[in-house]
Amino acid sequence: MDRFVPKKTLRAVNFICQAPHARSVSLVGDFNQWNPAAHPMKRTPDGAWLLAIELNHGHHRYAFLVDGHLTLDPRAQGITRNDRGERVSLVPIS
Protein backbone atom coordinates (compact mmCIF):
# COMPACT_ATOMS: atom_id res chain seq x y z
CA MET A 1 0.00 0.00 0.00
CA ASP A 2 1.32 3.41 -0.93
CA ARG A 3 1.47 5.54 2.20
CA PHE A 4 1.56 8.73 0.12
CA VAL A 5 -1.91 8.20 -1.36
CA PRO A 6 -4.43 10.30 0.58
CA LYS A 7 -7.07 8.41 2.52
CA LYS A 8 -10.66 8.68 1.39
CA THR A 9 -12.16 11.49 3.45
CA LEU A 10 -15.79 11.17 2.34
CA ARG A 11 -18.25 8.64 3.68
CA ALA A 12 -21.75 7.90 2.37
CA VAL A 13 -24.43 8.54 4.98
CA ASN A 14 -28.11 7.56 4.68
CA PHE A 15 -30.63 9.98 6.17
CA ILE A 16 -34.20 8.79 6.76
CA CYS A 17 -37.06 11.01 7.91
CA GLN A 18 -40.38 9.50 8.98
CA ALA A 19 -42.89 12.09 7.80
CA PRO A 20 -45.65 10.23 5.91
CA HIS A 21 -47.97 13.26 5.69
CA ALA A 22 -45.32 15.79 4.61
CA ARG A 23 -45.50 17.49 1.24
CA SER A 24 -41.74 18.17 1.12
CA VAL A 25 -38.67 17.29 3.17
CA SER A 26 -35.11 18.59 2.77
CA LEU A 27 -31.87 17.84 4.57
CA VAL A 28 -30.22 21.03 5.84
CA GLY A 29 -26.98 21.43 7.75
CA ASP A 30 -23.50 22.86 8.04
CA PHE A 31 -22.49 20.88 4.94
CA ASN A 32 -24.90 22.84 2.69
CA GLN A 33 -25.08 26.21 4.52
CA TRP A 34 -28.59 25.27 5.77
CA ASN A 35 -29.91 25.71 2.21
CA PRO A 36 -33.31 23.94 1.84
CA ALA A 37 -32.87 23.65 -1.95
CA ALA A 38 -29.49 21.89 -1.73
CA HIS A 39 -30.62 18.41 -0.61
CA PRO A 40 -34.30 17.63 -1.25
CA MET A 41 -35.23 14.19 0.02
CA LYS A 42 -37.11 11.53 -1.95
CA ARG A 43 -40.35 10.01 -0.69
CA THR A 44 -40.44 6.20 -0.48
CA PRO A 45 -43.63 4.12 -0.97
CA ASP A 46 -44.01 3.66 2.82
CA GLY A 47 -44.08 7.43 3.41
CA ALA A 48 -40.52 7.80 4.71
CA TRP A 49 -38.14 10.28 3.07
CA LEU A 50 -34.65 9.14 2.08
CA LEU A 51 -31.40 10.74 0.97
CA ALA A 52 -27.81 9.46 0.80
CA ILE A 53 -24.99 12.00 0.69
CA GLU A 54 -21.25 11.90 1.21
CA LEU A 55 -19.85 13.79 4.18
CA ASN A 56 -16.31 14.64 5.25
CA HIS A 57 -14.72 13.33 8.44
CA GLY A 58 -15.84 15.28 11.52
CA HIS A 59 -19.03 16.30 13.32
CA HIS A 60 -21.89 17.73 11.28
CA ARG A 61 -24.93 19.64 12.55
CA TYR A 62 -28.12 18.99 10.57
CA ALA A 63 -31.91 18.79 10.65
CA PHE A 64 -34.82 17.86 8.43
CA LEU A 65 -36.90 20.70 7.03
CA VAL A 66 -40.40 19.16 6.99
CA ASP A 67 -42.89 21.40 5.18
CA GLY A 68 -40.78 24.39 6.27
CA HIS A 69 -40.38 23.32 9.92
CA LEU A 70 -36.95 22.44 11.37
CA THR A 71 -37.24 18.89 12.73
CA LEU A 72 -34.75 16.86 14.78
CA ASP A 73 -33.68 13.38 13.65
CA PRO A 74 -34.71 10.84 16.33
CA ARG A 75 -31.92 8.55 15.05
CA ALA A 76 -29.21 11.20 15.50
CA GLN A 77 -26.06 10.52 17.52
CA GLY A 78 -26.64 13.70 19.51
CA ILE A 79 -28.34 17.07 19.75
CA THR A 80 -26.63 20.46 19.64
CA ARG A 81 -27.49 24.00 18.54
CA ASN A 82 -26.95 25.76 15.24
CA ASP A 83 -25.62 29.32 14.88
CA ARG A 84 -29.16 30.66 15.43
CA GLY A 85 -29.53 28.81 18.73
CA GLU A 86 -32.02 26.27 17.35
CA ARG A 87 -31.82 22.65 18.51
CA VAL A 88 -30.43 20.47 15.70
CA SER A 89 -29.15 16.93 15.25
CA LEU A 90 -25.50 15.87 15.26
CA VAL A 91 -23.79 13.14 13.24
CA PRO A 92 -20.12 12.14 13.74
CA ILE A 93 -18.29 10.83 10.66
CA SER A 94 -15.06 8.88 11.07
PDB file of N, CA and C in Angstrom:
ATOM      1  N   MET A   1       0.841  -1.179   0.000  1.00  0.00           N
ATOM      2  CA  MET A   1       0.000   0.000   0.000  1.00  0.00           C
ATOM      3  C   MET A   1       0.886   1.244   0.000  1.00  0.00           C
ATOM      4  N   ASP A   2       0.538   2.188  -0.821  1.00  0.00           N
ATOM      5  CA  ASP A   2       1.317   3.414  -0.928  1.00  0.00           C
ATOM      6  C   ASP A   2       0.900   4.386   0.172  1.00  0.00           C
ATOM      7  N   ARG A   3       1.817   4.683   1.070  1.00  0.00           N
ATOM      8  CA  ARG A   3       1.469   5.542   2.205  1.00  0.00           C
ATOM      9  C   ARG A   3       1.328   7.003   1.814  1.00  0.00           C
ATOM     10  N   PHE A   4       1.666   7.344   0.573  1.00  0.00           N
ATOM     11  CA  PHE A   4       1.555   8.729   0.124  1.00  0.00           C
ATOM     12  C   PHE A   4       0.221   9.025  -0.568  1.00  0.00           C
ATOM     13  N   VAL A   5      -0.589   7.990  -0.772  1.00  0.00           N
ATOM     14  CA  VAL A   5      -1.907   8.195  -1.365  1.00  0.00           C
ATOM     15  C   VAL A   5      -2.843   8.684  -0.258  1.00  0.00           C
ATOM     16  N   PRO A   6      -3.544   9.807  -0.480  1.00  0.00           N
ATOM     17  CA  PRO A   6      -4.431  10.304   0.580  1.00  0.00           C
ATOM     18  C   PRO A   6      -5.571   9.344   0.859  1.00  0.00           C
ATOM     19  N   LYS A   7      -5.948   9.258   2.133  1.00  0.00           N
ATOM     20  CA  LYS A   7      -7.072   8.413   2.520  1.00  0.00           C
ATOM     21  C   LYS A   7      -8.371   9.035   2.029  1.00  0.00           C
ATOM     22  N   LYS A   8      -9.338   8.188   1.776  1.00  0.00           N
ATOM     23  CA  LYS A   8     -10.658   8.681   1.386  1.00  0.00           C
ATOM     24  C   LYS A   8     -11.251   9.440   2.573  1.00  0.00           C
ATOM     25  N   THR A   9     -11.656  10.676   2.346  1.00  0.00           N
ATOM     26  CA  THR A   9     -12.159  11.492   3.446  1.00  0.00           C
ATOM     27  C   THR A   9     -13.680  11.600   3.445  1.00  0.00           C
ATOM     28  N   LEU A  10     -14.328  11.117   2.402  1.00  0.00           N
ATOM     29  CA  LEU A  10     -15.788  11.170   2.337  1.00  0.00           C
ATOM     30  C   LEU A  10     -16.393   9.822   2.700  1.00  0.00           C
ATOM     31  N   ARG A  11     -17.539   9.869   3.364  1.00  0.00           N
ATOM     32  CA  ARG A  11     -18.249   8.637   3.677  1.00  0.00           C
ATOM     33  C   ARG A  11     -19.728   8.826   3.365  1.00  0.00           C
ATOM     34  N   ALA A  12     -20.324   7.846   2.698  1.00  0.00           N
ATOM     35  CA  ALA A  12     -21.747   7.905   2.367  1.00  0.00           C
ATOM     36  C   ALA A  12     -22.574   7.718   3.634  1.00  0.00           C
ATOM     37  N   VAL A  13     -23.565   8.586   3.812  1.00  0.00           N
ATOM     38  CA  VAL A  13     -24.433   8.536   4.982  1.00  0.00           C
ATOM     39  C   VAL A  13     -25.883   8.551   4.495  1.00  0.00           C
ATOM     40  N   ASN A  14     -26.691   7.618   5.010  1.00  0.00           N
ATOM     41  CA  ASN A  14     -28.111   7.563   4.680  1.00  0.00           C
ATOM     42  C   ASN A  14     -28.905   8.330   5.735  1.00  0.00           C
ATOM     43  N   PHE A  15     -29.740   9.238   5.281  1.00  0.00           N
ATOM     44  CA  PHE A  15     -30.628   9.983   6.166  1.00  0.00           C
ATOM     45  C   PHE A  15     -32.055   9.555   5.862  1.00  0.00           C
ATOM     46  N   ILE A  16     -32.814   9.226   6.913  1.00  0.00           N
ATOM     47  CA  ILE A  16     -34.203   8.794   6.760  1.00  0.00           C
ATOM     48  C   ILE A  16     -35.071   9.636   7.692  1.00  0.00           C
ATOM     49  N   CYS A  17     -36.128  10.194   7.136  1.00  0.00           N
ATOM     50  CA  CYS A  17     -37.058  11.009   7.911  1.00  0.00           C
ATOM     51  C   CYS A  17     -38.450  10.384   7.811  1.00  0.00           C
ATOM     52  N   GLN A  18     -39.024  10.045   8.951  1.00  0.00           N
ATOM     53  CA  GLN A  18     -40.380   9.496   8.975  1.00  0.00           C
ATOM     54  C   GLN A  18     -41.371  10.657   9.026  1.00  0.00           C
ATOM     55  N   ALA A  19     -41.912  11.006   7.889  1.00  0.00           N
ATOM     56  CA  ALA A  19     -42.895  12.094   7.801  1.00  0.00           C
ATOM     57  C   ALA A  19     -43.903  11.748   6.708  1.00  0.00           C
ATOM     58  N   PRO A  20     -44.756  10.733   6.960  1.00  0.00           N
ATOM     59  CA  PRO A  20     -45.647  10.230   5.914  1.00  0.00           C
ATOM     60  C   PRO A  20     -46.648  11.248   5.373  1.00  0.00           C
ATOM     61  N   HIS A  21     -46.978  12.282   6.144  1.00  0.00           N
ATOM     62  CA  HIS A  21     -47.968  13.257   5.692  1.00  0.00           C
ATOM     63  C   HIS A  21     -47.341  14.535   5.135  1.00  0.00           C
ATOM     64  N   ALA A  22     -46.010  14.582   5.091  1.00  0.00           N
ATOM     65  CA  ALA A  22     -45.320  15.788   4.611  1.00  0.00           C
ATOM     66  C   ALA A  22     -45.468  15.946   3.102  1.00  0.00           C
ATOM     67  N   ARG A  23     -45.484  17.195   2.672  1.00  0.00           N
ATOM     68  CA  ARG A  23     -45.496  17.491   1.239  1.00  0.00           C
ATOM     69  C   ARG A  23     -44.070  17.610   0.704  1.00  0.00           C
ATOM     70  N   SER A  24     -43.139  18.074   1.545  1.00  0.00           N
ATOM     71  CA  SER A  24     -41.744  18.174   1.123  1.00  0.00           C
ATOM     72  C   SER A  24     -40.831  18.055   2.333  1.00  0.00           C
ATOM     73  N   VAL A  25     -39.674  17.426   2.122  1.00  0.00           N
ATOM     74  CA  VAL A  25     -38.667  17.286   3.168  1.00  0.00           C
ATOM     75  C   VAL A  25     -37.306  17.528   2.540  1.00  0.00           C
ATOM     76  N   SER A  26     -36.492  18.338   3.211  1.00  0.00           N
ATOM     77  CA  SER A  26     -35.114  18.595   2.771  1.00  0.00           C
ATOM     78  C   SER A  26     -34.168  18.336   3.921  1.00  0.00           C
ATOM     79  N   LEU A  27     -32.938  17.978   3.585  1.00  0.00           N
ATOM     80  CA  LEU A  27     -31.873  17.840   4.568  1.00  0.00           C
ATOM     81  C   LEU A  27     -31.077  19.135   4.566  1.00  0.00           C
ATOM     82  N   VAL A  28     -30.988  19.789   5.723  1.00  0.00           N
ATOM     83  CA  VAL A  28     -30.224  21.028   5.838  1.00  0.00           C
ATOM     84  C   VAL A  28     -29.160  20.843   6.911  1.00  0.00           C
ATOM     85  N   GLY A  29     -28.037  21.549   6.748  1.00  0.00           N
ATOM     86  CA  GLY A  29     -26.981  21.433   7.749  1.00  0.00           C
ATOM     87  C   GLY A  29     -25.772  22.270   7.408  1.00  0.00           C
ATOM     88  N   ASP A  30     -24.761  22.137   8.250  1.00  0.00           N
ATOM     89  CA  ASP A  30     -23.500  22.856   8.041  1.00  0.00           C
ATOM     90  C   ASP A  30     -22.904  22.566   6.669  1.00  0.00           C
ATOM     91  N   PHE A  31     -23.096  21.335   6.190  1.00  0.00           N
ATOM     92  CA  PHE A  31     -22.486  20.881   4.938  1.00  0.00           C
ATOM     93  C   PHE A  31     -23.118  21.510   3.700  1.00  0.00           C
ATOM     94  N   ASN A  32     -24.291  22.171   3.838  1.00  0.00           N
ATOM     95  CA  ASN A  32     -24.902  22.845   2.689  1.00  0.00           C
ATOM     96  C   ASN A  32     -25.378  24.260   3.036  1.00  0.00           C
ATOM     97  N   GLN A  33     -24.763  24.853   4.071  1.00  0.00           N
ATOM     98  CA  GLN A  33     -25.084  26.210   4.515  1.00  0.00           C
ATOM     99  C   GLN A  33     -26.565  26.364   4.859  1.00  0.00           C
ATOM    100  N   TRP A  34     -27.196  25.275   5.344  1.00  0.00           N
ATOM    101  CA  TRP A  34     -28.594  25.270   5.772  1.00  0.00           C
ATOM    102  C   TRP A  34     -29.532  25.678   4.632  1.00  0.00           C
ATOM    103  N   ASN A  35     -29.145  25.351   3.408  1.00  0.00           N
ATOM    104  CA  ASN A  35     -29.910  25.707   2.215  1.00  0.00           C
ATOM    105  C   ASN A  35     -30.964  24.631   1.933  1.00  0.00           C
ATOM    106  N   PRO A  36     -32.268  24.950   2.045  1.00  0.00           N
ATOM    107  CA  PRO A  36     -33.305  23.942   1.836  1.00  0.00           C
ATOM    108  C   PRO A  36     -33.377  23.395   0.414  1.00  0.00           C
ATOM    109  N   ALA A  37     -32.835  24.123  -0.559  1.00  0.00           N
ATOM    110  CA  ALA A  37     -32.870  23.651  -1.949  1.00  0.00           C
ATOM    111  C   ALA A  37     -31.709  22.710  -2.276  1.00  0.00           C
ATOM    112  N   ALA A  38     -30.706  22.645  -1.413  1.00  0.00           N
ATOM    113  CA  ALA A  38     -29.487  21.886  -1.728  1.00  0.00           C
ATOM    114  C   ALA A  38     -29.676  20.368  -1.700  1.00  0.00           C
ATOM    115  N   HIS A  39     -30.458  19.853  -0.754  1.00  0.00           N
ATOM    116  CA  HIS A  39     -30.616  18.410  -0.608  1.00  0.00           C
ATOM    117  C   HIS A  39     -32.080  18.015  -0.371  1.00  0.00           C
ATOM    118  N   PRO A  40     -32.920  18.119  -1.410  1.00  0.00           N
ATOM    119  CA  PRO A  40     -34.297  17.633  -1.250  1.00  0.00           C
ATOM    120  C   PRO A  40     -34.290  16.115  -1.080  1.00  0.00           C
ATOM    121  N   MET A  41     -35.167  15.626  -0.226  1.00  0.00           N
ATOM    122  CA  MET A  41     -35.229  14.187   0.024  1.00  0.00           C
ATOM    123  C   MET A  41     -36.304  13.558  -0.859  1.00  0.00           C
ATOM    124  N   LYS A  42     -36.172  12.248  -1.098  1.00  0.00           N
ATOM    125  CA  LYS A  42     -37.111  11.531  -1.954  1.00  0.00           C
ATOM    126  C   LYS A  42     -38.051  10.682  -1.090  1.00  0.00           C
ATOM    127  N   ARG A  43     -39.330  10.777  -1.413  1.00  0.00           N
ATOM    128  CA  ARG A  43     -40.349  10.008  -0.689  1.00  0.00           C
ATOM    129  C   ARG A  43     -40.303   8.552  -1.134  1.00  0.00           C
ATOM    130  N   THR A  44     -40.388   7.635  -0.174  1.00  0.00           N
ATOM    131  CA  THR A  44     -40.440   6.204  -0.478  1.00  0.00           C
ATOM    132  C   THR A  44     -41.901   5.754  -0.414  1.00  0.00           C
ATOM    133  N   PRO A  45     -42.235   4.578  -0.968  1.00  0.00           N
ATOM    134  CA  PRO A  45     -43.629   4.117  -0.972  1.00  0.00           C
ATOM    135  C   PRO A  45     -44.261   4.014   0.419  1.00  0.00           C
ATOM    136  N   ASP A  46     -43.451   3.781   1.467  1.00  0.00           N
ATOM    137  CA  ASP A  46     -44.015   3.656   2.817  1.00  0.00           C
ATOM    138  C   ASP A  46     -44.181   5.000   3.525  1.00  0.00           C
ATOM    139  N   GLY A  47     -43.878   6.109   2.829  1.00  0.00           N
ATOM    140  CA  GLY A  47     -44.077   7.430   3.408  1.00  0.00           C
ATOM    141  C   GLY A  47     -42.859   8.024   4.078  1.00  0.00           C
ATOM    142  N   ALA A  48     -41.774   7.267   4.172  1.00  0.00           N
ATOM    143  CA  ALA A  48     -40.521   7.803   4.712  1.00  0.00           C
ATOM    144  C   ALA A  48     -39.836   8.620   3.616  1.00  0.00           C
ATOM    145  N   TRP A  49     -38.922   9.474   4.015  1.00  0.00           N
ATOM    146  CA  TRP A  49     -38.143  10.278   3.071  1.00  0.00           C
ATOM    147  C   TRP A  49     -36.684   9.872   3.210  1.00  0.00           C
ATOM    148  N   LEU A  50     -35.992   9.703   2.083  1.00  0.00           N
ATOM    149  CA  LEU A  50     -34.649   9.144   2.080  1.00  0.00           C
ATOM    150  C   LEU A  50     -33.695   9.995   1.251  1.00  0.00           C
ATOM    151  N   LEU A  51     -32.452  10.079   1.731  1.00  0.00           N
ATOM    152  CA  LEU A  51     -31.398  10.739   0.973  1.00  0.00           C
ATOM    153  C   LEU A  51     -30.060  10.194   1.436  1.00  0.00           C
ATOM    154  N   ALA A  52     -29.183   9.872   0.489  1.00  0.00           N
ATOM    155  CA  ALA A  52     -27.812   9.458   0.796  1.00  0.00           C
ATOM    156  C   ALA A  52     -26.870  10.524   0.255  1.00  0.00           C
ATOM    157  N   ILE A  53     -25.996  11.035   1.125  1.00  0.00           N
ATOM    158  CA  ILE A  53     -24.987  12.003   0.689  1.00  0.00           C
ATOM    159  C   ILE A  53     -23.646  11.609   1.270  1.00  0.00           C
ATOM    160  N   GLU A  54     -22.583  12.145   0.688  1.00  0.00           N
ATOM    161  CA  GLU A  54     -21.248  11.904   1.207  1.00  0.00           C
ATOM    162  C   GLU A  54     -20.827  13.082   2.070  1.00  0.00           C
ATOM    163  N   LEU A  55     -20.298  12.758   3.248  1.00  0.00           N
ATOM    164  CA  LEU A  55     -19.853  13.789   4.180  1.00  0.00           C
ATOM    165  C   LEU A  55     -18.389  13.583   4.546  1.00  0.00           C
ATOM    166  N   ASN A  56     -17.702  14.679   4.805  1.00  0.00           N
ATOM    167  CA  ASN A  56     -16.310  14.635   5.251  1.00  0.00           C
ATOM    168  C   ASN A  56     -16.221  14.157   6.694  1.00  0.00           C
ATOM    169  N   HIS A  57     -15.031  13.710   7.070  1.00  0.00           N
ATOM    170  CA  HIS A  57     -14.718  13.335   8.442  1.00  0.00           C
ATOM    171  C   HIS A  57     -15.008  14.509   9.377  1.00  0.00           C
ATOM    172  N   GLY A  58     -15.565  14.239  10.534  1.00  0.00           N
ATOM    173  CA  GLY A  58     -15.841  15.277  11.516  1.00  0.00           C
ATOM    174  C   GLY A  58     -17.265  15.197  12.026  1.00  0.00           C
ATOM    175  N   HIS A  59     -17.675  16.212  12.786  1.00  0.00           N
ATOM    176  CA  HIS A  59     -19.030  16.298  13.323  1.00  0.00           C
ATOM    177  C   HIS A  59     -19.835  17.284  12.482  1.00  0.00           C
ATOM    178  N   HIS A  60     -21.033  16.887  12.125  1.00  0.00           N
ATOM    179  CA  HIS A  60     -21.892  17.726  11.282  1.00  0.00           C
ATOM    180  C   HIS A  60     -23.221  17.983  11.993  1.00  0.00           C
ATOM    181  N   ARG A  61     -23.620  19.267  12.025  1.00  0.00           N
ATOM    182  CA  ARG A  61     -24.932  19.642  12.548  1.00  0.00           C
ATOM    183  C   ARG A  61     -25.911  19.607  11.380  1.00  0.00           C
ATOM    184  N   TYR A  62     -27.130  19.101  11.638  1.00  0.00           N
ATOM    185  CA  TYR A  62     -28.122  18.994  10.568  1.00  0.00           C
ATOM    186  C   TYR A  62     -29.524  18.892  11.155  1.00  0.00           C
ATOM    187  N   ALA A  63     -30.509  18.999  10.286  1.00  0.00           N
ATOM    188  CA  ALA A  63     -31.913  18.793  10.650  1.00  0.00           C
ATOM    189  C   ALA A  63     -32.686  18.500   9.376  1.00  0.00           C
ATOM    190  N   PHE A  64     -33.906  18.020   9.556  1.00  0.00           N
ATOM    191  CA  PHE A  64     -34.822  17.864   8.431  1.00  0.00           C
ATOM    192  C   PHE A  64     -35.713  19.100   8.390  1.00  0.00           C
ATOM    193  N   LEU A  65     -35.958  19.598   7.206  1.00  0.00           N
ATOM    194  CA  LEU A  65     -36.902  20.696   7.029  1.00  0.00           C
ATOM    195  C   LEU A  65     -38.178  20.070   6.469  1.00  0.00           C
ATOM    196  N   VAL A  66     -39.153  19.845   7.345  1.00  0.00           N
ATOM    197  CA  VAL A  66     -40.397  19.159   6.987  1.00  0.00           C
ATOM    198  C   VAL A  66     -41.485  20.210   6.783  1.00  0.00           C
ATOM    199  N   ASP A  67     -41.895  20.378   5.534  1.00  0.00           N
ATOM    200  CA  ASP A  67     -42.892  21.405   5.183  1.00  0.00           C
ATOM    201  C   ASP A  67     -42.531  22.757   5.808  1.00  0.00           C
ATOM    202  N   GLY A  68     -41.240  23.090   5.775  1.00  0.00           N
ATOM    203  CA  GLY A  68     -40.779  24.385   6.266  1.00  0.00           C
ATOM    204  C   GLY A  68     -40.452  24.442   7.748  1.00  0.00           C
ATOM    205  N   HIS A  69     -40.644  23.346   8.475  1.00  0.00           N
ATOM    206  CA  HIS A  69     -40.383  23.324   9.915  1.00  0.00           C
ATOM    207  C   HIS A  69     -39.122  22.512  10.223  1.00  0.00           C
ATOM    208  N   LEU A  70     -38.177  23.117  10.953  1.00  0.00           N
ATOM    209  CA  LEU A  70     -36.952  22.441  11.367  1.00  0.00           C
ATOM    210  C   LEU A  70     -37.310  21.302  12.308  1.00  0.00           C
ATOM    211  N   THR A  71     -36.859  20.090  11.987  1.00  0.00           N
ATOM    212  CA  THR A  71     -37.237  18.888  12.727  1.00  0.00           C
ATOM    213  C   THR A  71     -35.996  18.082  13.084  1.00  0.00           C
ATOM    214  N   LEU A  72     -35.877  17.685  14.351  1.00  0.00           N
ATOM    215  CA  LEU A  72     -34.751  16.858  14.785  1.00  0.00           C
ATOM    216  C   LEU A  72     -34.872  15.446  14.223  1.00  0.00           C
ATOM    217  N   ASP A  73     -33.736  14.784  14.078  1.00  0.00           N
ATOM    218  CA  ASP A  73     -33.682  13.384  13.645  1.00  0.00           C
ATOM    219  C   ASP A  73     -33.665  12.503  14.894  1.00  0.00           C
ATOM    220  N   PRO A  74     -34.708  11.688  15.129  1.00  0.00           N
ATOM    221  CA  PRO A  74     -34.709  10.838  16.326  1.00  0.00           C
ATOM    222  C   PRO A  74     -33.600   9.785  16.316  1.00  0.00           C
ATOM    223  N   ARG A  75     -33.002   9.524  15.152  1.00  0.00           N
ATOM    224  CA  ARG A  75     -31.916   8.546  15.048  1.00  0.00           C
ATOM    225  C   ARG A  75     -30.525   9.179  15.196  1.00  0.00           C
ATOM    226  N   ALA A  76     -30.490  10.481  15.444  1.00  0.00           N
ATOM    227  CA  ALA A  76     -29.208  11.201  15.498  1.00  0.00           C
ATOM    228  C   ALA A  76     -28.327  10.706  16.641  1.00  0.00           C
ATOM    229  N   GLN A  77     -27.025  10.898  16.480  1.00  0.00           N
ATOM    230  CA  GLN A  77     -26.058  10.521  17.515  1.00  0.00           C
ATOM    231  C   GLN A  77     -26.079  11.496  18.689  1.00  0.00           C
ATOM    232  N   GLY A  78     -26.595  12.702  18.445  1.00  0.00           N
ATOM    233  CA  GLY A  78     -26.637  13.697  19.505  1.00  0.00           C
ATOM    234  C   GLY A  78     -27.455  14.899  19.080  1.00  0.00           C
ATOM    235  N   ILE A  79     -27.628  15.826  20.017  1.00  0.00           N
ATOM    236  CA  ILE A  79     -28.336  17.070  19.751  1.00  0.00           C
ATOM    237  C   ILE A  79     -27.439  18.229  20.174  1.00  0.00           C
ATOM    238  N   THR A  80     -27.416  19.265  19.355  1.00  0.00           N
ATOM    239  CA  THR A  80     -26.627  20.458  19.645  1.00  0.00           C
ATOM    240  C   THR A  80     -27.439  21.661  19.182  1.00  0.00           C
ATOM    241  N   ARG A  81     -26.793  22.798  19.029  1.00  0.00           N
ATOM    242  CA  ARG A  81     -27.488  24.000  18.545  1.00  0.00           C
ATOM    243  C   ARG A  81     -26.767  24.540  17.328  1.00  0.00           C
ATOM    244  N   ASN A  82     -27.554  25.124  16.413  1.00  0.00           N
ATOM    245  CA  ASN A  82     -26.949  25.756  15.240  1.00  0.00           C
ATOM    246  C   ASN A  82     -26.559  27.196  15.598  1.00  0.00           C
ATOM    247  N   ASP A  83     -26.078  27.952  14.627  1.00  0.00           N
ATOM    248  CA  ASP A  83     -25.620  29.318  14.878  1.00  0.00           C
ATOM    249  C   ASP A  83     -26.754  30.260  15.283  1.00  0.00           C
ATOM    250  N   ARG A  84     -27.991  29.847  15.053  1.00  0.00           N
ATOM    251  CA  ARG A  84     -29.158  30.664  15.426  1.00  0.00           C
ATOM    252  C   ARG A  84     -29.735  30.235  16.775  1.00  0.00           C
ATOM    253  N   GLY A  85     -29.082  29.267  17.427  1.00  0.00           N
ATOM    254  CA  GLY A  85     -29.528  28.811  18.732  1.00  0.00           C
ATOM    255  C   GLY A  85     -30.626  27.762  18.690  1.00  0.00           C
ATOM    256  N   GLU A  86     -30.978  27.281  17.495  1.00  0.00           N
ATOM    257  CA  GLU A  86     -32.023  26.267  17.351  1.00  0.00           C
ATOM    258  C   GLU A  86     -31.440  24.877  17.637  1.00  0.00           C
ATOM    259  N   ARG A  87     -32.257  24.035  18.255  1.00  0.00           N
ATOM    260  CA  ARG A  87     -31.817  22.653  18.506  1.00  0.00           C
ATOM    261  C   ARG A  87     -31.773  21.898  17.184  1.00  0.00           C
ATOM    262  N   VAL A  88     -30.632  21.244  16.926  1.00  0.00           N
ATOM    263  CA  VAL A  88     -30.435  20.474  15.701  1.00  0.00           C
ATOM    264  C   VAL A  88     -29.752  19.153  16.043  1.00  0.00           C
ATOM    265  N   SER A  89     -29.743  18.251  15.082  1.00  0.00           N
ATOM    266  CA  SER A  89     -29.149  16.934  15.255  1.00  0.00           C
ATOM    267  C   SER A  89     -27.661  16.970  14.955  1.00  0.00           C
ATOM    268  N   LEU A  90     -26.951  15.960  15.441  1.00  0.00           N
ATOM    269  CA  LEU A  90     -25.500  15.865  15.260  1.00  0.00           C
ATOM    270  C   LEU A  90     -25.138  14.481  14.758  1.00  0.00           C
ATOM    271  N   VAL A  91     -24.274  14.418  13.752  1.00  0.00           N
ATOM    272  CA  VAL A  91     -23.786  13.137  13.244  1.00  0.00           C
ATOM    273  C   VAL A  91     -22.261  13.185  13.175  1.00  0.00           C
ATOM    274  N   PRO A  92     -21.574  12.223  13.844  1.00  0.00           N
ATOM    275  CA  PRO A  92     -20.121  12.137  13.742  1.00  0.00           C
ATOM    276  C   PRO A  92     -19.737  11.223  12.576  1.00  0.00           C
ATOM    277  N   ILE A  93     -18.772  11.635  11.780  1.00  0.00           N
ATOM    278  CA  ILE A  93     -18.292  10.828  10.657  1.00  0.00           C
ATOM    279  C   ILE A  93     -16.816  10.531  10.897  1.00  0.00           C
ATOM    280  N   SER A  94     -16.464   9.244  10.873  1.00  0.00           N
ATOM    281  CA  SER A  94     -15.057   8.875  11.072  1.00  0.00           C
ATOM    282  C   SER A  94     -14.581   7.984   9.957  1.00  0.00           C
TER     283      SER A  94
END
